[in-house]
């Protein structure tokens, strides 16, 4: 019923890798203008513009890291709830009679099901 959390953990890893790539791009961008060798107002303007763009890239990289952390935290909770649901289902199968209506396997309604003995 629910998605494969391993796929989503891989997506979180991809987000982190993209953050690393963005930081490296920012570093390369700044380094490319440091060795230009010319001076003046145009050079200063270029330097400022590149530093602002690099700062923006680093900010976006940080957001990638934050998104990956939030996704991983969510997935830990999803996995925990899936395990809880499976445990409740197993115990309910041992206790329930044929007349007891139960949610579909894996459904979150197992978390709020009121069965005598559980």
C-alpha atoms as a PDB file:
ATOM      1  CA  UNK A   1       0.000   0.000   0.000  1.00  0.00           C
ATOM      2  CA  UNK A   2       2.786   2.442   0.816  1.00  0.00           C
ATOM      3  CA  UNK A   3       5.796   3.389  -1.254  1.00  0.00           C
ATOM      4  CA  UNK A   4       9.189   1.782  -1.061  1.00  0.00           C
ATOM      5  CA  UNK A   5      11.127   3.799   1.494  1.00  0.00           C
ATOM      6  CA  UNK A   6      14.444   2.490   0.172  1.00  0.00           C
ATOM      7  CA  UNK A   7      13.740   4.313  -3.098  1.00  0.00           C
ATOM      8  CA  UNK A   8      13.114   7.490  -1.149  1.00  0.00           C
ATOM      9  CA  UNK A   9      16.278   7.011   0.943  1.00  0.00           C
ATOM     10  CA  UNK A  10      18.181   6.858  -2.348  1.00  0.00           C
ATOM     11  CA  UNK A  11      16.479  10.110  -3.367  1.00  0.00           C
ATOM     12  CA  UNK A  12      17.673  11.722  -0.138  1.00  0.00           C
ATOM     13  CA  UNK A  13      21.206  10.573  -0.972  1.00  0.00           C
ATOM     14  CA  UNK A  14      20.841  12.096  -4.447  1.00  0.00           C
ATOM     15  CA  UNK A  15      19.793  15.393  -2.867  1.00  0.00           C
ATOM     16  CA  UNK A  16      22.920  15.352  -0.695  1.00  0.00           C
ATOM     17  CA  UNK A  17      25.100  14.577  -3.720  1.00  0.00           C
ATOM     18  CA  UNK A  18      23.494  17.451  -5.621  1.00  0.00           C
ATOM     19  CA  UNK A  19      24.343  19.718  -2.690  1.00  0.00           C
ATOM     20  CA  UNK A  20      27.968  18.640  -2.893  1.00  0.00           C
ATOM     21  CA  UNK A  21      27.946  19.292  -6.652  1.00  0.00           C
ATOM     22  CA  UNK A  22      26.445  22.757  -6.167  1.00  0.00           C
ATOM     23  CA  UNK A  23      29.098  23.685  -3.599  1.00  0.00           C
ATOM     24  CA  UNK A  24      31.835  22.464  -5.942  1.00  0.00           C
ATOM     25  CA  UNK A  25      30.326  24.513  -8.774  1.00  0.00           C
ATOM     26  CA  UNK A  26      30.318  27.594  -6.548  1.00  0.00           C
ATOM     27  CA  UNK A  27      33.972  27.008  -5.654  1.00  0.00           C
ATOM     28  CA  UNK A  28      34.949  26.573  -9.321  1.00  0.00           C
ATOM     29  CA  UNK A  29      33.023  29.693 -10.284  1.00  0.00           C
ATOM     30  CA  UNK A  30      34.821  31.829  -7.699  1.00  0.00           C
ATOM     31  CA  UNK A  31      38.197  30.300  -8.580  1.00  0.00           C
ATOM     32  CA  UNK A  32      37.683  31.008 -12.274  1.00  0.00           C
ATOM     33  CA  UNK A  33      37.426  34.753 -11.665  1.00  0.00           C
ATOM     34  CA  UNK A  34      40.240  34.969  -9.128  1.00  0.00           C
ATOM     35  CA  UNK A  35      42.839  34.206 -11.767  1.00  0.00           C
ATOM     36  CA  UNK A  36      41.577  36.581 -14.462  1.00  0.00           C
ATOM     37  CA  UNK A  37      44.447  38.985 -13.985  1.00  0.00           C
ATOM     38  CA  UNK A  38      42.705  42.245 -14.830  1.00  0.00           C
ATOM     39  CA  UNK A  39      41.632  45.057 -12.564  1.00  0.00           C
ATOM     40  CA  UNK A  40      39.275  47.982 -12.589  1.00  0.00           C
ATOM     41  CA  UNK A  41      35.596  48.610 -12.088  1.00  0.00           C
ATOM     42  CA  UNK A  42      34.538  45.885 -14.506  1.00  0.00           C
ATOM     43  CA  UNK A  43      36.745  43.332 -12.764  1.00  0.00           C
ATOM     44  CA  UNK A  44      35.379  44.369  -9.369  1.00  0.00           C
ATOM     45  CA  UNK A  45      31.804  44.168 -10.642  1.00  0.00           C
ATOM     46  CA  UNK A  46      32.447  40.721 -12.100  1.00  0.00           C
ATOM     47  CA  UNK A  47      34.045  39.574  -8.863  1.00  0.00           C
ATOM     48  CA  UNK A  48      31.071  40.825  -6.813  1.00  0.00           C
ATOM     49  CA  UNK A  49      28.555  39.253  -9.170  1.00  0.00           C
ATOM     50  CA  UNK A  50      30.334  35.897  -9.105  1.00  0.00           C
ATOM     51  CA  UNK A  51      30.555  35.936  -5.299  1.00  0.00           C
ATOM     52  CA  UNK A  52      26.825  36.662  -5.040  1.00  0.00           C
ATOM     53  CA  UNK A  53      26.028  33.830  -7.461  1.00  0.00           C
ATOM     54  CA  UNK A  54      28.328  31.474  -5.571  1.00  0.00           C
ATOM     55  CA  UNK A  55      26.651  32.397  -2.282  1.00  0.00           C
ATOM     56  CA  UNK A  56      23.279  31.645  -3.859  1.00  0.00           C
ATOM     57  CA  UNK A  57      24.529  28.262  -5.075  1.00  0.00           C
ATOM     58  CA  UNK A  58      25.779  27.457  -1.566  1.00  0.00           C
ATOM     59  CA  UNK A  59      22.412  28.479  -0.114  1.00  0.00           C
ATOM     60  CA  UNK A  60      20.624  26.169  -2.535  1.00  0.00           C
ATOM     61  CA  UNK A  61      23.060  23.388  -1.609  1.00  0.00           C
ATOM     62  CA  UNK A  62      22.123  23.897   2.031  1.00  0.00           C
ATOM     63  CA  UNK A  63      18.462  23.607   1.122  1.00  0.00           C
ATOM     64  CA  UNK A  64      19.218  20.313  -0.609  1.00  0.00           C
ATOM     65  CA  UNK A  65      20.859  19.099   2.612  1.00  0.00           C
ATOM     66  CA  UNK A  66      17.865  20.260   4.667  1.00  0.00           C
ATOM     67  CA  UNK A  67      15.444  18.519   2.313  1.00  0.00           C
ATOM     68  CA  UNK A  68      17.451  15.294   2.505  1.00  0.00           C
ATOM     69  CA  UNK A  69      17.459  15.425   6.311  1.00  0.00           C
ATOM     70  CA  UNK A  70      13.713  16.062   6.438  1.00  0.00           C
ATOM     71  CA  UNK A  71      13.033  13.252   3.977  1.00  0.00           C
ATOM     72  CA  UNK A  72      15.186  10.800   5.931  1.00  0.00           C
ATOM     73  CA  UNK A  73      13.485  11.747   9.208  1.00  0.00           C
ATOM     74  CA  UNK A  74      10.076  11.243   7.592  1.00  0.00           C
ATOM     75  CA  UNK A  75      11.105   7.871   6.189  1.00  0.00           C
ATOM     76  CA  UNK A  76      12.353   6.663   9.570  1.00  0.00           C
ATOM     77  CA  UNK A  77       8.908   7.454  10.965  1.00  0.00           C
ATOM     78  CA  UNK A  78       7.150   5.771   8.008  1.00  0.00           C
ATOM     79  CA  UNK A  79       9.238   2.620   8.479  1.00  0.00           C
ATOM     80  CA  UNK A  80       8.491   2.647  12.211  1.00  0.00           C
ATOM     81  CA  UNK A  81       4.752   2.935  11.575  1.00  0.00           C
ATOM     82  CA  UNK A  82       4.845   0.207   8.932  1.00  0.00           C
ATOM     83  CA  UNK A  83       6.500  -2.108  11.448  1.00  0.00           C
ATOM     84  CA  UNK A  84       3.908  -1.177  14.069  1.00  0.00           C
ATOM     85  CA  UNK A  85       1.076  -1.875  11.617  1.00  0.00           C
ATOM     86  CA  UNK A  86       2.561  -5.253  10.707  1.00  0.00           C
ATOM     87  CA  UNK A  87       2.880  -6.145  14.398  1.00  0.00           C
ATOM     88  CA  UNK A  88      -0.719  -5.128  15.118  1.00  0.00           C
ATOM     89  CA  UNK A  89      -1.926  -7.107  12.094  1.00  0.00           C
ATOM     90  CA  UNK A  90      -0.049 -10.176  13.276  1.00  0.00           C
ATOM     91  CA  UNK A  91      -1.411  -9.928  16.809  1.00  0.00           C
ATOM     92  CA  UNK A  92      -4.940  -9.181  15.547  1.00  0.00           C
ATOM     93  CA  UNK A  93      -4.794 -12.271  13.360  1.00  0.00           C
ATOM     94  CA  UNK A  94      -4.197 -14.348  16.456  1.00  0.00           C
ATOM     95  CA  UNK A  95      -7.022 -12.708  18.427  1.00  0.00           C
ATOM     96  CA  UNK A  96      -9.724 -11.740  15.949  1.00  0.00           C
ATOM     97  CA  UNK A  97     -12.707 -13.867  15.103  1.00  0.00           C
ATOM     98  CA  UNK A  98     -14.212 -14.209  11.637  1.00  0.00           C
ATOM     99  CA  UNK A  99     -16.877 -11.572  12.379  1.00  0.00           C
ATOM    100  CA  UNK A 100     -14.402  -8.789  13.130  1.00  0.00           C
ATOM    101  CA  UNK A 101     -13.986  -6.274  10.319  1.00  0.00           C
ATOM    102  CA  UNK A 102     -10.368  -5.296   9.837  1.00  0.00           C
ATOM    103  CA  UNK A 103      -8.670  -2.797   7.538  1.00  0.00           C
ATOM    104  CA  UNK A 104      -6.780  -3.970   4.458  1.00  0.00           C
ATOM    105  CA  UNK A 105      -3.293  -5.279   5.089  1.00  0.00           C
ATOM    106  CA  UNK A 106      -0.800  -2.492   5.698  1.00  0.00           C
ATOM    107  CA  UNK A 107      -3.443   0.217   6.022  1.00  0.00           C
ATOM    108  CA  UNK A 108      -2.856   2.952   8.591  1.00  0.00           C
ATOM    109  CA  UNK A 109      -6.291   2.274  10.132  1.00  0.00           C
ATOM    110  CA  UNK A 110      -4.613  -0.646  11.917  1.00  0.00           C
ATOM    111  CA  UNK A 111      -3.044   1.987  14.180  1.00  0.00           C
ATOM    112  CA  UNK A 112      -6.463   3.009  15.530  1.00  0.00           C
ATOM    113  CA  UNK A 113      -8.263  -0.332  15.371  1.00  0.00           C
ATOM    114  CA  UNK A 114      -9.913  -1.264  18.642  1.00  0.00           C
ATOM    115  CA  UNK A 115      -9.784  -5.034  19.055  1.00  0.00           C
ATOM    116  CA  UNK A 116     -10.350  -6.652  22.432  1.00  0.00           C
ATOM    117  CA  UNK A 117      -7.114  -8.090  23.709  1.00  0.00           C
ATOM    118  CA  UNK A 118      -4.808  -5.734  21.801  1.00  0.00           C
END
